[in-house]
Amino acid sequence: MLRHFQFSPDDDPVAQSNNQRSRQYLLDQTGGDVSVADDVSIISRRFIATVMLLVGGLVGTLWPSFAEANRGGNWFDDAAAMNSSGAPSIRINLSEQKAYFYKGGRLVGSSFISSGKKGFRTGTGKFRVLAKRPNHRSSIYGSYVDRNSGRVVRADVDTRKHRRPAGTYYRGAKMNHYIRFNGGIGLHASGHVPRYPASHGCVRMPPHMARKFYQYSRVGMPVTVTY
């Protein structure tokens, strides 16, 4: 049977001075007073504190796994990247559609990617970072935009195939945090990373992950692309 308990502290100054606080509860149903011993309250508080400590320790132990799961597999450990010894390197696994950032032999970050689709496959091999550009735009893929209105006349153009209409100008696709490592191929930020091959050969990354990889990468560092 459900009962409502209302708590009221004892105002007796003598009891308080002797650290003998009592607890009274009023049973709405019966009107009866019930006294509860102090040691019960103390044990309850100690039990709750112990449980909280155990839960806190367990969460602390599993936090990296929880954090990675909540990020969908995208994560980066800034402290490890800054403090770990050894040279940085990037490994891209096309089968997994993931990129890994290493500092020495230690994995410090991982990101989902979208590599080149059929007809534009991202090449495999061992490369080195050739250049870094924070606000890069493609010189081949983009849109033709009306000069007067700013309206996109034709999207997803390839300047090698599509002629520019009169009265328009070419605006290259954004490739922020661009890390070039194989000719014109590189890693860069994108708002479309479907976790399957969908690009024109570059390696797309979520913007927040591309920013991290860019921050800790160096010109000349190794980039390995495998299946």
Protein backbone atom coordinates (compact mmCIF):
# COMPACT_ATOMS: atom_id res chain seq x y z
CA MET A 1 0.00 0.00 0.00
CA LEU A 2 1.44 3.42 -0.99
CA ARG A 3 2.14 5.74 1.94
CA HIS A 4 3.35 9.35 1.90
CA PHE A 5 6.02 10.23 4.49
CA GLN A 6 6.67 13.82 5.56
CA PHE A 7 10.03 14.52 7.27
CA SER A 8 10.40 17.00 10.14
CA PRO A 9 13.68 17.48 12.08
CA ASP A 10 13.78 17.48 15.88
CA ASP A 11 14.25 21.01 17.23
CA ASP A 12 15.31 19.86 20.70
CA PRO A 13 18.63 21.74 21.40
CA VAL A 14 19.72 19.13 23.95
CA ALA A 15 19.34 16.33 21.48
CA GLN A 16 21.20 18.35 18.89
CA SER A 17 24.10 19.07 21.24
CA ASN A 18 24.45 15.36 21.96
CA ASN A 19 24.42 14.63 18.24
CA GLN A 20 21.32 12.54 18.76
CA ARG A 21 19.04 13.88 16.09
CA SER A 22 15.86 11.91 15.75
CA ARG A 23 13.73 11.65 12.69
CA GLN A 24 9.95 11.71 12.68
CA TYR A 25 7.71 10.73 9.88
CA LEU A 26 4.04 11.42 9.59
CA LEU A 27 1.99 8.69 7.97
CA ASP A 28 -0.78 10.39 6.06
CA GLN A 29 -2.93 7.30 6.21
CA THR A 30 -2.80 6.51 9.92
CA GLY A 31 -1.60 9.73 11.50
CA GLY A 32 0.88 7.75 13.54
CA ASP A 33 4.41 8.91 14.42
CA VAL A 34 7.32 6.68 13.58
CA SER A 35 10.79 7.18 15.00
CA VAL A 36 13.78 6.04 12.98
CA ALA A 37 17.12 5.43 14.63
CA ASP A 38 20.07 7.67 13.64
CA ASP A 39 22.27 4.71 12.70
CA VAL A 40 19.80 3.69 9.97
CA SER A 41 20.08 7.12 8.37
CA ILE A 42 23.88 7.03 8.67
CA ILE A 43 24.09 3.55 7.14
CA SER A 44 21.83 4.65 4.29
CA ARG A 45 24.02 7.66 3.54
CA ARG A 46 27.19 5.55 3.69
CA PHE A 47 25.64 2.93 1.43
CA ILE A 48 24.62 5.55 -1.14
CA ALA A 49 28.08 7.14 -1.01
CA THR A 50 29.74 3.75 -1.54
CA VAL A 51 27.50 2.94 -4.49
CA MET A 52 28.22 6.35 -6.03
CA LEU A 53 31.96 5.80 -5.69
CA LEU A 54 31.73 2.37 -7.31
CA VAL A 55 29.58 3.68 -10.16
CA GLY A 56 31.92 6.64 -10.62
CA GLY A 57 34.92 4.34 -10.84
CA LEU A 58 33.18 2.09 -13.35
CA VAL A 59 32.13 5.02 -15.55
CA GLY A 60 35.64 6.44 -15.37
CA THR A 61 37.08 3.15 -16.55
CA LEU A 62 34.63 2.80 -19.43
CA TRP A 63 34.46 6.50 -20.37
CA PRO A 64 36.66 6.26 -23.51
CA SER A 65 34.41 3.51 -24.85
CA PHE A 66 31.26 5.46 -24.00
CA ALA A 67 32.68 8.62 -25.51
CA GLU A 68 33.70 6.86 -28.70
CA ALA A 69 30.27 5.25 -29.01
CA ASN A 70 28.55 8.61 -28.52
CA ARG A 71 30.78 10.16 -31.18
CA GLY A 72 29.92 7.40 -33.63
CA GLY A 73 33.54 6.23 -33.76
CA ASN A 74 34.99 9.72 -34.34
CA TRP A 75 37.36 10.70 -31.56
CA PHE A 76 40.64 12.49 -30.93
CA ASP A 77 42.84 12.60 -27.82
CA ASP A 78 44.49 16.03 -27.82
CA ALA A 79 46.57 15.33 -24.72
CA ALA A 80 48.02 12.16 -26.25
CA ALA A 81 48.72 13.94 -29.53
CA MET A 82 50.59 16.72 -27.75
CA ASN A 83 52.47 14.64 -25.19
CA SER A 84 53.26 11.37 -26.96
CA SER A 85 56.76 11.04 -28.39
CA GLY A 86 57.42 9.98 -31.96
CA ALA A 87 56.53 11.33 -35.37
CA PRO A 88 52.90 11.73 -36.52
CA SER A 89 51.44 9.59 -39.29
CA ILE A 90 48.06 8.91 -40.89
CA ARG A 91 46.71 5.55 -42.00
CA ILE A 92 43.63 5.31 -44.19
CA ASN A 93 41.74 2.03 -44.46
CA LEU A 94 39.44 2.07 -47.48
CA SER A 95 37.68 -1.18 -46.51
CA GLU A 96 36.71 0.26 -43.13
CA GLN A 97 36.21 3.78 -44.50
CA LYS A 98 38.21 5.11 -41.57
CA ALA A 99 41.31 7.23 -41.06
CA TYR A 100 43.64 6.81 -38.09
CA PHE A 101 46.07 9.37 -36.66
CA TYR A 102 49.16 8.05 -34.89
CA LYS A 103 51.82 9.73 -32.78
CA GLY A 104 54.77 7.40 -32.84
CA GLY A 105 53.18 3.99 -32.38
CA ARG A 106 50.25 5.33 -30.37
CA LEU A 107 46.78 5.75 -31.87
CA VAL A 108 45.51 9.20 -30.83
CA GLY A 109 42.54 9.69 -33.17
CA SER A 110 40.10 7.96 -35.49
CA SER A 111 37.56 9.26 -37.99
CA PHE A 112 35.01 7.92 -40.43
CA ILE A 113 35.71 8.92 -44.03
CA SER A 114 34.24 8.78 -47.51
CA SER A 115 36.78 7.93 -50.20
CA GLY A 116 36.61 7.95 -54.00
CA LYS A 117 33.60 6.34 -55.65
CA LYS A 118 33.66 4.05 -58.67
CA GLY A 119 35.59 5.67 -61.48
CA PHE A 120 37.38 7.94 -59.01
CA ARG A 121 38.87 5.39 -56.61
CA THR A 122 41.32 6.72 -54.04
CA GLY A 123 44.71 5.24 -54.85
CA THR A 124 46.51 3.00 -52.37
CA GLY A 125 50.16 3.25 -51.43
CA LYS A 126 52.61 5.06 -49.18
CA PHE A 127 52.70 8.84 -49.50
CA ARG A 128 53.74 11.96 -47.64
CA VAL A 129 51.89 15.17 -46.92
CA LEU A 130 52.73 17.58 -49.75
CA ALA A 131 50.84 20.66 -48.56
CA LYS A 132 48.29 21.97 -46.08
CA ARG A 133 45.67 24.62 -46.79
CA PRO A 134 43.06 25.68 -44.23
CA ASN A 135 40.59 27.19 -46.75
CA HIS A 136 41.09 25.33 -50.00
CA ARG A 137 38.69 25.12 -52.96
CA SER A 138 38.71 22.57 -55.75
CA SER A 139 40.07 23.70 -59.09
CA ILE A 140 38.09 21.00 -60.93
CA TYR A 141 34.81 20.29 -59.12
CA GLY A 142 32.31 22.93 -58.12
CA SER A 143 29.48 25.06 -59.50
CA TYR A 144 28.79 27.67 -62.14
CA VAL A 145 27.23 30.72 -60.50
CA ASP A 146 25.35 33.63 -62.08
CA ARG A 147 27.47 36.78 -61.82
CA ASN A 148 24.54 39.12 -61.13
CA SER A 149 22.26 37.14 -58.83
CA GLY A 150 24.73 34.74 -57.22
CA ARG A 151 22.38 31.90 -58.08
CA VAL A 152 23.90 28.50 -58.84
CA VAL A 153 23.20 27.86 -62.51
CA ARG A 154 24.80 24.43 -62.60
CA ALA A 155 26.03 22.38 -59.64
CA ASP A 156 28.43 19.46 -59.45
CA VAL A 157 30.37 20.47 -62.53
CA ASP A 158 33.67 19.09 -63.76
CA THR A 159 35.54 21.96 -65.43
CA ARG A 160 37.27 19.49 -67.71
CA LYS A 161 33.94 18.36 -69.19
CA HIS A 162 31.37 21.09 -68.65
CA ARG A 163 31.58 24.41 -70.44
CA ARG A 164 30.89 27.51 -68.39
CA PRO A 165 27.63 29.23 -69.44
CA ALA A 166 27.79 32.88 -70.43
CA GLY A 167 27.31 35.28 -67.53
CA THR A 168 28.53 32.81 -64.92
CA TYR A 169 31.71 32.20 -63.00
CA TYR A 170 33.21 29.04 -61.57
CA ARG A 171 33.16 28.50 -57.78
CA GLY A 172 35.16 25.53 -56.58
CA ALA A 173 33.82 23.15 -53.95
CA LYS A 174 35.00 23.86 -50.43
CA MET A 175 37.77 21.60 -49.17
CA ASN A 176 38.60 23.16 -45.81
CA HIS A 177 41.47 21.76 -43.74
CA TYR A 178 42.94 20.23 -46.86
CA ILE A 179 45.88 17.84 -46.37
CA ARG A 180 47.25 17.01 -49.84
CA PHE A 181 49.26 13.78 -50.07
CA ASN A 182 48.94 12.29 -53.58
CA GLY A 183 48.88 14.72 -56.50
CA GLY A 184 45.64 16.61 -56.03
CA ILE A 185 44.23 13.98 -53.65
CA GLY A 186 43.99 14.80 -49.98
CA LEU A 187 41.95 14.65 -46.80
CA HIS A 188 39.52 17.51 -46.23
CA ALA A 189 36.38 18.55 -44.38
CA SER A 190 32.98 17.83 -45.90
CA GLY A 191 29.36 18.07 -44.87
CA HIS A 192 28.65 14.82 -46.69
CA VAL A 193 30.52 11.81 -45.27
CA PRO A 194 28.20 8.83 -45.85
CA ARG A 195 30.81 6.24 -44.72
CA TYR A 196 30.99 4.65 -48.17
CA PRO A 197 32.95 5.73 -51.29
CA ALA A 198 31.26 8.86 -52.64
CA SER A 199 33.95 11.42 -53.50
CA HIS A 200 35.89 12.24 -56.66
CA GLY A 201 39.02 10.67 -55.17
CA CYS A 202 39.72 12.78 -52.10
CA VAL A 203 39.17 11.54 -48.56
CA ARG A 204 36.22 13.36 -46.99
CA MET A 205 36.04 13.74 -43.21
CA PRO A 206 33.53 15.30 -40.82
CA PRO A 207 34.55 18.95 -40.27
CA HIS A 208 35.44 18.58 -36.58
CA MET A 209 37.67 15.58 -37.32
CA ALA A 210 39.31 17.18 -40.36
CA ARG A 211 40.19 20.12 -38.12
CA LYS A 212 41.94 17.84 -35.62
CA PHE A 213 43.87 15.90 -38.26
CA TYR A 214 44.90 19.19 -39.86
CA GLN A 215 46.00 20.68 -36.55
CA TYR A 216 48.41 17.89 -35.71
CA SER A 217 49.61 16.93 -39.19
CA ARG A 218 52.90 18.14 -40.65
CA VAL A 219 54.16 18.58 -44.20
CA GLY A 220 56.32 15.56 -45.01
CA MET A 221 54.63 13.17 -42.57
CA PRO A 222 53.69 9.67 -43.83
CA VAL A 223 50.22 8.85 -45.15
CA THR A 224 49.48 5.19 -45.87
CA VAL A 225 46.37 4.15 -47.83
CA THR A 226 45.35 0.47 -47.82
CA TYR A 227 42.35 -1.82 -48.13
